[in-house]
PDB file of N, CA and C in Angstrom:
ATOM      1  N   UNK A   1      71.800-272.378 -22.786  1.00  0.00           N
ATOM      2  CA  UNK A   1      72.609-271.204 -22.526  1.00  0.00           C
ATOM      3  C   UNK A   1      71.936-270.410 -21.402  1.00  0.00           C
ATOM      4  N   UNK A   2      72.746-269.832 -20.543  1.00  0.00           N
ATOM      5  CA  UNK A   2      72.207-269.068 -19.423  1.00  0.00           C
ATOM      6  C   UNK A   2      72.140-267.583 -19.765  1.00  0.00           C
ATOM      7  N   UNK A   3      70.982-267.019 -19.501  1.00  0.00           N
ATOM      8  CA  UNK A   3      70.749-265.583 -19.624  1.00  0.00           C
ATOM      9  C   UNK A   3      70.380-265.095 -18.235  1.00  0.00           C
ATOM     10  N   UNK A   4      70.534-263.796 -17.998  1.00  0.00           N
ATOM     11  CA  UNK A   4      70.169-263.231 -16.703  1.00  0.00           C
ATOM     12  C   UNK A   4      69.173-262.104 -16.918  1.00  0.00           C
ATOM     13  N   UNK A   5      68.171-262.056 -16.072  1.00  0.00           N
ATOM     14  CA  UNK A   5      67.074-261.105 -16.167  1.00  0.00           C
ATOM     15  C   UNK A   5      67.470-259.765 -15.555  1.00  0.00           C
ATOM     16  N   UNK A   6      67.225-258.662 -16.286  1.00  0.00           N
ATOM     17  CA  UNK A   6      67.576-257.332 -15.769  1.00  0.00           C
ATOM     18  C   UNK A   6      66.390-256.365 -15.778  1.00  0.00           C
ATOM     19  N   UNK A   7      65.192-256.895 -15.861  1.00  0.00           N
ATOM     20  CA  UNK A   7      63.999-256.050 -15.915  1.00  0.00           C
ATOM     21  C   UNK A   7      63.232-256.033 -14.607  1.00  0.00           C
ATOM     22  N   UNK A   8      61.945-255.718 -14.716  1.00  0.00           N
ATOM     23  CA  UNK A   8      61.083-255.689 -13.540  1.00  0.00           C
ATOM     24  C   UNK A   8      60.113-256.866 -13.538  1.00  0.00           C
ATOM     25  N   UNK A   9      59.593-257.217 -14.694  1.00  0.00           N
ATOM     26  CA  UNK A   9      58.693-258.361 -14.819  1.00  0.00           C
ATOM     27  C   UNK A   9      58.557-258.689 -16.297  1.00  0.00           C
ATOM     28  N   UNK A  10      58.565-259.980 -16.607  1.00  0.00           N
ATOM     29  CA  UNK A  10      58.406-260.400 -18.003  1.00  0.00           C
ATOM     30  C   UNK A  10      57.940-261.844 -18.044  1.00  0.00           C
ATOM     31  N   UNK A  11      57.409-262.217 -19.182  1.00  0.00           N
ATOM     32  CA  UNK A  11      57.092-263.605 -19.456  1.00  0.00           C
ATOM     33  C   UNK A  11      58.010-264.037 -20.590  1.00  0.00           C
ATOM     34  N   UNK A  12      58.836-265.018 -20.308  1.00  0.00           N
ATOM     35  CA  UNK A  12      59.800-265.497 -21.297  1.00  0.00           C
ATOM     36  C   UNK A  12      59.538-266.975 -21.523  1.00  0.00           C
ATOM     37  N   UNK A  13      59.082-267.297 -22.732  1.00  0.00           N
ATOM     38  CA  UNK A  13      58.696-268.656 -23.101  1.00  0.00           C
ATOM     39  C   UNK A  13      57.735-269.251 -22.070  1.00  0.00           C
ATOM     40  N   UNK A  14      56.756-268.445 -21.673  1.00  0.00           N
ATOM     41  CA  UNK A  14      55.722-268.900 -20.757  1.00  0.00           C
ATOM     42  C   UNK A  14      56.105-268.886 -19.286  1.00  0.00           C
ATOM     43  N   UNK A  15      57.304-268.484 -18.980  1.00  0.00           N
ATOM     44  CA  UNK A  15      57.778-268.437 -17.595  1.00  0.00           C
ATOM     45  C   UNK A  15      57.777-266.992 -17.113  1.00  0.00           C
ATOM     46  N   UNK A  16      57.097-266.736 -15.999  1.00  0.00           N
ATOM     47  CA  UNK A  16      57.084-265.389 -15.421  1.00  0.00           C
ATOM     48  C   UNK A  16      58.398-265.173 -14.674  1.00  0.00           C
ATOM     49  N   UNK A  17      59.054-264.066 -14.990  1.00  0.00           N
ATOM     50  CA  UNK A  17      60.330-263.740 -14.352  1.00  0.00           C
ATOM     51  C   UNK A  17      60.200-262.354 -13.729  1.00  0.00           C
ATOM     52  N   UNK A  18      60.547-262.237 -12.455  1.00  0.00           N
ATOM     53  CA  UNK A  18      60.421-260.971 -11.726  1.00  0.00           C
ATOM     54  C   UNK A  18      61.684-260.577 -10.977  1.00  0.00           C
ATOM     55  N   UNK A  19      62.552-261.512 -10.722  1.00  0.00           N
ATOM     56  CA  UNK A  19      63.707-261.266  -9.853  1.00  0.00           C
ATOM     57  C   UNK A  19      64.918-260.822 -10.663  1.00  0.00           C
ATOM     58  N   UNK A  20      65.435-259.640 -10.350  1.00  0.00           N
ATOM     59  CA  UNK A  20      66.618-259.117 -11.029  1.00  0.00           C
ATOM     60  C   UNK A  20      67.784-260.089 -10.849  1.00  0.00           C
ATOM     61  N   UNK A  21      68.428-260.421 -11.943  1.00  0.00           N
ATOM     62  CA  UNK A  21      69.561-261.330 -11.902  1.00  0.00           C
ATOM     63  C   UNK A  21      69.184-262.796 -11.998  1.00  0.00           C
ATOM     64  N   UNK A  22      67.877-263.105 -12.059  1.00  0.00           N
ATOM     65  CA  UNK A  22      67.449-264.505 -12.151  1.00  0.00           C
ATOM     66  C   UNK A  22      68.023-265.153 -13.406  1.00  0.00           C
ATOM     67  N   UNK A  23      68.465-266.396 -13.254  1.00  0.00           N
ATOM     68  CA  UNK A  23      68.967-267.156 -14.399  1.00  0.00           C
ATOM     69  C   UNK A  23      67.792-267.669 -15.218  1.00  0.00           C
ATOM     70  N   UNK A  24      67.898-267.529 -16.526  1.00  0.00           N
ATOM     71  CA  UNK A  24      66.888-268.018 -17.460  1.00  0.00           C
ATOM     72  C   UNK A  24      67.619-268.907 -18.459  1.00  0.00           C
ATOM     73  N   UNK A  25      67.274-270.185 -18.472  1.00  0.00           N
ATOM     74  CA  UNK A  25      67.924-271.128 -19.381  1.00  0.00           C
ATOM     75  C   UNK A  25      67.141-271.196 -20.689  1.00  0.00           C
ATOM     76  N   UNK A  26      67.819-270.860 -21.781  1.00  0.00           N
ATOM     77  CA  UNK A  26      67.220-270.885 -23.113  1.00  0.00           C
ATOM     78  C   UNK A  26      68.262-271.367 -24.111  1.00  0.00           C
ATOM     79  N   UNK A  27      67.813-271.877 -25.230  1.00  0.00           N
ATOM     80  CA  UNK A  27      68.762-272.146 -26.306  1.00  0.00           C
ATOM     81  C   UNK A  27      69.247-270.792 -26.819  1.00  0.00           C
ATOM     82  N   UNK A  28      70.352-270.785 -27.507  1.00  0.00           N
ATOM     83  CA  UNK A  28      70.858-269.522 -28.056  1.00  0.00           C
ATOM     84  C   UNK A  28      69.819-268.890 -28.979  1.00  0.00           C
ATOM     85  N   UNK A  29      69.186-269.702 -29.807  1.00  0.00           N
ATOM     86  CA  UNK A  29      68.185-269.188 -30.742  1.00  0.00           C
ATOM     87  C   UNK A  29      66.992-268.584 -30.003  1.00  0.00           C
ATOM     88  N   UNK A  30      66.532-269.261 -28.953  1.00  0.00           N
ATOM     89  CA  UNK A  30      65.407-268.731 -28.170  1.00  0.00           C
ATOM     90  C   UNK A  30      65.800-267.458 -27.443  1.00  0.00           C
ATOM     91  N   UNK A  31      67.025-267.400 -26.952  1.00  0.00           N
ATOM     92  CA  UNK A  31      67.512-266.200 -26.283  1.00  0.00           C
ATOM     93  C   UNK A  31      67.567-265.013 -27.229  1.00  0.00           C
ATOM     94  N   UNK A  32      68.057-265.251 -28.432  1.00  0.00           N
ATOM     95  CA  UNK A  32      68.116-264.190 -29.439  1.00  0.00           C
ATOM     96  C   UNK A  32      66.706-263.708 -29.762  1.00  0.00           C
ATOM     97  N   UNK A  33      65.793-264.648 -29.951  1.00  0.00           N
ATOM     98  CA  UNK A  33      64.407-264.273 -30.253  1.00  0.00           C
ATOM     99  C   UNK A  33      63.804-263.476 -29.104  1.00  0.00           C
ATOM    100  N   UNK A  34      64.079-263.876 -27.873  1.00  0.00           N
ATOM    101  CA  UNK A  34      63.549-263.164 -26.707  1.00  0.00           C
ATOM    102  C   UNK A  34      64.116-261.747 -26.627  1.00  0.00           C
ATOM    103  N   UNK A  35      65.406-261.606 -26.864  1.00  0.00           N
ATOM    104  CA  UNK A  35      66.038-260.277 -26.827  1.00  0.00           C
ATOM    105  C   UNK A  35      65.469-259.402 -27.938  1.00  0.00           C
ATOM    106  N   UNK A  36      65.350-259.962 -29.118  1.00  0.00           N
ATOM    107  CA  UNK A  36      64.758-259.193 -30.227  1.00  0.00           C
ATOM    108  C   UNK A  36      63.315-258.813 -29.938  1.00  0.00           C
ATOM    109  N   UNK A  37      62.629-259.621 -29.139  1.00  0.00           N
ATOM    110  CA  UNK A  37      61.248-259.339 -28.760  1.00  0.00           C
ATOM    111  C   UNK A  37      61.132-258.452 -27.532  1.00  0.00           C
ATOM    112  N   UNK A  38      62.237-257.828 -27.146  1.00  0.00           N
ATOM    113  CA  UNK A  38      62.303-256.873 -26.030  1.00  0.00           C
ATOM    114  C   UNK A  38      62.303-257.494 -24.642  1.00  0.00           C
ATOM    115  N   UNK A  39      62.631-258.759 -24.519  1.00  0.00           N
ATOM    116  CA  UNK A  39      62.794-259.336 -23.186  1.00  0.00           C
ATOM    117  C   UNK A  39      64.087-258.791 -22.581  1.00  0.00           C
ATOM    118  N   UNK A  40      64.037-258.347 -21.333  1.00  0.00           N
ATOM    119  CA  UNK A  40      65.222-257.762 -20.702  1.00  0.00           C
ATOM    120  C   UNK A  40      66.137-258.834 -20.109  1.00  0.00           C
ATOM    121  N   UNK A  41      66.805-259.574 -21.000  1.00  0.00           N
ATOM    122  CA  UNK A  41      67.750-260.600 -20.556  1.00  0.00           C
ATOM    123  C   UNK A  41      69.091-260.377 -21.240  1.00  0.00           C
ATOM    124  N   UNK A  42      70.139-260.719 -20.523  1.00  0.00           N
ATOM    125  CA  UNK A  42      71.504-260.625 -21.048  1.00  0.00           C
ATOM    126  C   UNK A  42      72.140-262.001 -21.023  1.00  0.00           C
ATOM    127  N   UNK A  43      72.998-262.316 -21.993  1.00  0.00           N
ATOM    128  CA  UNK A  43      73.791-263.531 -21.848  1.00  0.00           C
ATOM    129  C   UNK A  43      74.556-263.442 -20.520  1.00  0.00           C
ATOM    130  N   UNK A  44      74.699-264.554 -19.841  1.00  0.00           N
ATOM    131  CA  UNK A  44      75.323-264.548 -18.524  1.00  0.00           C
ATOM    132  C   UNK A  44      76.698-263.897 -18.520  1.00  0.00           C
ATOM    133  N   UNK A  45      77.497-264.138 -19.527  1.00  0.00           N
ATOM    134  CA  UNK A  45      78.846-263.568 -19.564  1.00  0.00           C
ATOM    135  C   UNK A  45      78.800-262.039 -19.592  1.00  0.00           C
ATOM    136  N   UNK A  46      77.826-261.471 -20.293  1.00  0.00           N
ATOM    137  CA  UNK A  46      77.669-260.010 -20.336  1.00  0.00           C
ATOM    138  C   UNK A  46      77.185-259.499 -18.975  1.00  0.00           C
ATOM    139  N   UNK A  47      76.294-260.260 -18.327  1.00  0.00           N
ATOM    140  CA  UNK A  47      75.791-259.892 -17.004  1.00  0.00           C
ATOM    141  C   UNK A  47      76.931-259.933 -15.981  1.00  0.00           C
ATOM    142  N   UNK A  48      77.733-260.987 -16.026  1.00  0.00           N
ATOM    143  CA  UNK A  48      78.847-261.117 -15.072  1.00  0.00           C
ATOM    144  C   UNK A  48      79.840-259.974 -15.206  1.00  0.00           C
ATOM    145  N   UNK A  49      80.006-259.457 -16.412  1.00  0.00           N
ATOM    146  CA  UNK A  49      80.931-258.339 -16.636  1.00  0.00           C
ATOM    147  C   UNK A  49      80.501-257.081 -15.884  1.00  0.00           C
ATOM    148  N   UNK A  50      79.238-256.989 -15.513  1.00  0.00           N
ATOM    149  CA  UNK A  50      78.742-255.830 -14.758  1.00  0.00           C
ATOM    150  C   UNK A  50      79.137-255.903 -13.286  1.00  0.00           C
ATOM    151  N   UNK A  51      79.579-257.052 -12.827  1.00  0.00           N
ATOM    152  CA  UNK A  51      80.146-257.254 -11.485  1.00  0.00           C
ATOM    153  C   UNK A  51      79.186-256.978 -10.326  1.00  0.00           C
ATOM    154  N   UNK A  52      77.938-257.407 -10.467  1.00  0.00           N
ATOM    155  CA  UNK A  52      77.010-257.302  -9.347  1.00  0.00           C
ATOM    156  C   UNK A  52      77.477-258.232  -8.233  1.00  0.00           C
ATOM    157  N   UNK A  53      77.354-257.794  -6.998  1.00  0.00           N
ATOM    158  CA  UNK A  53      77.673-258.670  -5.872  1.00  0.00           C
ATOM    159  C   UNK A  53      76.427-259.480  -5.509  1.00  0.00           C
ATOM    160  N   UNK A  54      76.628-260.575  -4.804  1.00  0.00           N
ATOM    161  CA  UNK A  54      75.481-261.373  -4.373  1.00  0.00           C
ATOM    162  C   UNK A  54      74.598-260.565  -3.422  1.00  0.00           C
ATOM    163  N   UNK A  55      75.206-259.699  -2.630  1.00  0.00           N
ATOM    164  CA  UNK A  55      74.434-258.844  -1.726  1.00  0.00           C
ATOM    165  C   UNK A  55      73.545-257.880  -2.505  1.00  0.00           C
ATOM    166  N   UNK A  56      74.091-257.291  -3.569  1.00  0.00           N
ATOM    167  CA  UNK A  56      73.295-256.376  -4.401  1.00  0.00           C
ATOM    168  C   UNK A  56      72.142-257.111  -5.068  1.00  0.00           C
ATOM    169  N   UNK A  57      72.412-258.295  -5.569  1.00  0.00           N
ATOM    170  CA  UNK A  57      71.355-259.058  -6.239  1.00  0.00           C
ATOM    171  C   UNK A  57      70.240-259.424  -5.273  1.00  0.00           C
ATOM    172  N   UNK A  58      70.596-259.659  -4.026  1.00  0.00           N
ATOM    173  CA  UNK A  58      69.568-259.961  -3.020  1.00  0.00           C
ATOM    174  C   UNK A  58      68.811-258.701  -2.622  1.00  0.00           C
ATOM    175  N   UNK A  59      69.539-257.614  -2.356  1.00  0.00           N
ATOM    176  CA  UNK A  59      68.897-256.372  -1.898  1.00  0.00           C
ATOM    177  C   UNK A  59      68.013-255.737  -2.959  1.00  0.00           C
ATOM    178  N   UNK A  60      68.433-255.810  -4.212  1.00  0.00           N
ATOM    179  CA  UNK A  60      67.715-255.135  -5.295  1.00  0.00           C
ATOM    180  C   UNK A  60      67.010-256.117  -6.239  1.00  0.00           C
ATOM    181  N   UNK A  61      66.658-257.281  -5.731  1.00  0.00           N
ATOM    182  CA  UNK A  61      66.035-258.318  -6.557  1.00  0.00           C
ATOM    183  C   UNK A  61      64.711-257.869  -7.159  1.00  0.00           C
ATOM    184  N   UNK A  62      63.995-256.999  -6.442  1.00  0.00           N
ATOM    185  CA  UNK A  62      62.675-256.562  -6.894  1.00  0.00           C
ATOM    186  C   UNK A  62      62.663-255.048  -7.080  1.00  0.00           C
ATOM    187  N   UNK A  63      61.761-254.525  -7.899  1.00  0.00           N
ATOM    188  CA  UNK A  63      61.785-253.118  -8.305  1.00  0.00           C
ATOM    189  C   UNK A  63      61.759-252.073  -7.190  1.00  0.00           C
ATOM    190  N   UNK A  64      61.006-252.280  -6.135  1.00  0.00           N
ATOM    191  CA  UNK A  64      60.859-251.259  -5.103  1.00  0.00           C
ATOM    192  C   UNK A  64      62.174-250.710  -4.584  1.00  0.00           C
ATOM    193  N   UNK A  65      63.065-251.550  -4.069  1.00  0.00           N
ATOM    194  CA  UNK A  65      64.333-251.050  -3.536  1.00  0.00           C
ATOM    195  C   UNK A  65      65.225-250.385  -4.585  1.00  0.00           C
ATOM    196  N   UNK A  66      65.052-250.742  -5.849  1.00  0.00           N
ATOM    197  CA  UNK A  66      65.881-250.139  -6.894  1.00  0.00           C
ATOM    198  C   UNK A  66      65.575-248.660  -7.097  1.00  0.00           C
ATOM    199  N   UNK A  67      64.428-248.195  -6.587  1.00  0.00           N
ATOM    200  CA  UNK A  67      64.068-246.784  -6.744  1.00  0.00           C
ATOM    201  C   UNK A  67      65.054-245.875  -6.022  1.00  0.00           C
ATOM    202  N   UNK A  68      65.625-246.359  -4.928  1.00  0.00           N
ATOM    203  CA  UNK A  68      66.587-245.578  -4.153  1.00  0.00           C
ATOM    204  C   UNK A  68      67.829-246.420  -3.899  1.00  0.00           C
ATOM    205  N   UNK A  69      68.410-246.931  -4.971  1.00  0.00           N
ATOM    206  CA  UNK A  69      69.550-247.834  -4.848  1.00  0.00           C
ATOM    207  C   UNK A  69      70.850-247.073  -4.589  1.00  0.00           C
ATOM    208  N   UNK A  70      71.857-247.820  -4.187  1.00  0.00           N
ATOM    209  CA  UNK A  70      73.180-247.243  -3.964  1.00  0.00           C
ATOM    210  C   UNK A  70      73.765-246.770  -5.300  1.00  0.00           C
ATOM    211  N   UNK A  71      74.704-245.847  -5.223  1.00  0.00           N
ATOM    212  CA  UNK A  71      75.369-245.371  -6.440  1.00  0.00           C
ATOM    213  C   UNK A  71      76.086-246.514  -7.149  1.00  0.00           C
ATOM    214  N   UNK A  72      76.714-247.386  -6.371  1.00  0.00           N
ATOM    215  CA  UNK A  72      77.451-248.506  -6.964  1.00  0.00           C
ATOM    216  C   UNK A  72      76.513-249.415  -7.752  1.00  0.00           C
ATOM    217  N   UNK A  73      75.384-249.776  -7.149  1.00  0.00           N
ATOM    218  CA  UNK A  73      74.426-250.615  -7.862  1.00  0.00           C
ATOM    219  C   UNK A  73      73.873-249.860  -9.069  1.00  0.00           C
ATOM    220  N   UNK A  74      73.572-248.591  -8.905  1.00  0.00           N
ATOM    221  CA  UNK A  74      73.031-247.798 -10.002  1.00  0.00           C
ATOM    222  C   UNK A  74      73.945-247.790 -11.214  1.00  0.00           C
ATOM    223  N   UNK A  75      75.254-247.689 -10.980  1.00  0.00           N
ATOM    224  CA  UNK A  75      76.215-247.705 -12.096  1.00  0.00           C
ATOM    225  C   UNK A  75      76.215-249.067 -12.790  1.00  0.00           C
ATOM    226  N   UNK A  76      76.151-250.117 -11.993  1.00  0.00           N
ATOM    227  CA  UNK A  76      76.152-251.465 -12.565  1.00  0.00           C
ATOM    228  C   UNK A  76      74.849-251.743 -13.322  1.00  0.00           C
ATOM    229  N   UNK A  77      73.745-251.283 -12.766  1.00  0.00           N
ATOM    230  CA  UNK A  77      72.439-251.456 -13.405  1.00  0.00           C
ATOM    231  C   UNK A  77      72.424-250.723 -14.746  1.00  0.00           C
ATOM    232  N   UNK A  78      72.967-249.508 -14.772  1.00  0.00           N
ATOM    233  CA  UNK A  78      73.076-248.752 -16.019  1.00  0.00           C
ATOM    234  C   UNK A  78      73.945-249.523 -17.016  1.00  0.00           C
ATOM    235  N   UNK A  79      75.063-250.075 -16.543  1.00  0.00           N
ATOM    236  CA  UNK A  79      75.961-250.840 -17.418  1.00  0.00           C
ATOM    237  C   UNK A  79      75.240-252.058 -18.004  1.00  0.00           C
ATOM    238  N   UNK A  80      74.405-252.708 -17.206  1.00  0.00           N
ATOM    239  CA  UNK A  80      73.656-253.873 -17.702  1.00  0.00           C
ATOM    240  C   UNK A  80      72.661-253.461 -18.780  1.00  0.00           C
ATOM    241  N   UNK A  81      71.965-252.351 -18.553  1.00  0.00           N
ATOM    242  CA  UNK A  81      71.003-251.883 -19.567  1.00  0.00           C
ATOM    243  C   UNK A  81      71.727-251.450 -20.838  1.00  0.00           C
ATOM    244  N   UNK A  82      72.876-250.826 -20.688  1.00  0.00           N
ATOM    245  CA  UNK A  82      73.675-250.434 -21.851  1.00  0.00           C
ATOM    246  C   UNK A  82      74.166-251.679 -22.598  1.00  0.00           C
ATOM    247  N   UNK A  83      74.589-252.692 -21.857  1.00  0.00           N
ATOM    248  CA  UNK A  83      75.040-253.939 -22.484  1.00  0.00           C
ATOM    249  C   UNK A  83      73.902-254.585 -23.280  1.00  0.00           C
ATOM    250  N   UNK A  84      72.688-254.553 -22.737  1.00  0.00           N
ATOM    251  CA  UNK A  84      71.544-255.110 -23.465  1.00  0.00           C
ATOM    252  C   UNK A  84      71.297-254.327 -24.753  1.00  0.00           C
ATOM    253  N   UNK A  85      71.398-253.022 -24.683  1.00  0.00           N
ATOM    254  CA  UNK A  85      71.247-252.194 -25.886  1.00  0.00           C
ATOM    255  C   UNK A  85      72.305-252.594 -26.916  1.00  0.00           C
ATOM    256  N   UNK A  86      73.542-252.782 -26.466  1.00  0.00           N
ATOM    257  CA  UNK A  86      74.619-253.156 -27.386  1.00  0.00           C
ATOM    258  C   UNK A  86      74.377-254.530 -28.003  1.00  0.00           C
ATOM    259  N   UNK A  87      73.858-255.468 -27.213  1.00  0.00           N
ATOM    260  CA  UNK A  87      73.515-256.793 -27.746  1.00  0.00           C
ATOM    261  C   UNK A  87      72.465-256.645 -28.838  1.00  0.00           C
ATOM    262  N   UNK A  88      71.421-255.875 -28.558  1.00  0.00           N
ATOM    263  CA  UNK A  88      70.362-255.690 -29.557  1.00  0.00           C
ATOM    264  C   UNK A  88      70.901-255.051 -30.836  1.00  0.00           C
ATOM    265  N   UNK A  89      71.779-254.079 -30.686  1.00  0.00           N
ATOM    266  CA  UNK A  89      72.359-253.428 -31.864  1.00  0.00           C
ATOM    267  C   UNK A  89      73.236-254.396 -32.657  1.00  0.00           C
ATOM    268  N   UNK A  90      74.014-255.238 -31.972  1.00  0.00           N
ATOM    269  CA  UNK A  90      74.835-256.247 -32.661  1.00  0.00           C
ATOM    270  C   UNK A  90      73.951-257.202 -33.444  1.00  0.00           C
ATOM    271  N   UNK A  91      72.874-257.647 -32.798  1.00  0.00           N
ATOM    272  CA  UNK A  91      71.980-258.594 -33.463  1.00  0.00           C
ATOM    273  C   UNK A  91      71.303-257.984 -34.684  1.00  0.00           C
ATOM    274  N   UNK A  92      70.991-256.692 -34.615  1.00  0.00           N
ATOM    275  CA  UNK A  92      70.349-256.014 -35.758  1.00  0.00           C
ATOM    276  C   UNK A  92      71.204-256.075 -37.013  1.00  0.00           C
ATOM    277  N   UNK A  93      72.531-256.037 -36.830  1.00  0.00           N
ATOM    278  CA  UNK A  93      73.416-256.027 -37.996  1.00  0.00           C
ATOM    279  C   UNK A  93      74.001-257.415 -38.293  1.00  0.00           C
ATOM    280  N   UNK A  94      73.404-258.429 -37.669  1.00  0.00           N
ATOM    281  CA  UNK A  94      73.849-259.797 -37.932  1.00  0.00           C
ATOM    282  C   UNK A  94      75.069-260.218 -37.155  1.00  0.00           C
ATOM    283  N   UNK A  95      75.406-259.465 -36.125  1.00  0.00           N
ATOM    284  CA  UNK A  95      76.576-259.801 -35.316  1.00  0.00           C
ATOM    285  C   UNK A  95      76.278-260.899 -34.309  1.00  0.00           C
ATOM    286  N   UNK A  96      77.299-261.263 -33.540  1.00  0.00           N
ATOM    287  CA  UNK A  96      77.141-262.345 -32.559  1.00  0.00           C
ATOM    288  C   UNK A  96      76.334-261.917 -31.343  1.00  0.00           C
ATOM    289  N   UNK A  97      75.757-262.889 -30.676  1.00  0.00           N
ATOM    290  CA  UNK A  97      74.997-262.628 -29.454  1.00  0.00           C
ATOM    291  C   UNK A  97      75.896-262.043 -28.369  1.00  0.00           C
ATOM    292  N   UNK A  98      77.084-262.582 -28.247  1.00  0.00           N
ATOM    293  CA  UNK A  98      78.026-262.171 -27.196  1.00  0.00           C
ATOM    294  C   UNK A  98      79.188-261.432 -27.847  1.00  0.00           C
ATOM    295  N   UNK A  99      79.600-260.330 -27.235  1.00  0.00           N
ATOM    296  CA  UNK A  99      80.738-259.560 -27.750  1.00  0.00           C
ATOM    297  C   UNK A  99      81.933-260.487 -27.897  1.00  0.00           C
ATOM    298  N   UNK A 100      82.626-260.400 -29.013  1.00  0.00           N
ATOM    299  CA  UNK A 100      83.768-261.266 -29.266  1.00  0.00           C
ATOM    300  C   UNK A 100      83.372-262.611 -29.860  1.00  0.00           C
ATOM    301  N   UNK A 101      82.042-262.832 -29.998  1.00  0.00           N
ATOM    302  CA  UNK A 101      81.566-264.046 -30.645  1.00  0.00           C
ATOM    303  C   UNK A 101      81.655-265.307 -29.820  1.00  0.00           C
ATOM    304  N   UNK A 102      81.821-265.183 -28.497  1.00  0.00           N
ATOM    305  CA  UNK A 102      81.956-266.378 -27.642  1.00  0.00           C
ATOM    306  C   UNK A 102      80.600-266.971 -27.342  1.00  0.00           C
TER     307      UNK A 102
END
């Protein structure tokens, strides 16, 4: 299953991840465990719903430029962090990893 990275730096199953939007391939179970362990990753479908452009992902791939990002990117970045919070809350109550159970 594909997850997308929305943090600044993390180690996920021994792999160092630093690039915003980087794809991280994990089993669903490993992804759930990583999210519960505070890894900043979203299921790809939840990440795609935030509608980042390829230009934004390139420009804001690393933390420095995100300090003074565009309003459009800032709104999407906030939406991604909110989506991760919602995923964590769903998982806490035994709900599905992805909204709608897909």
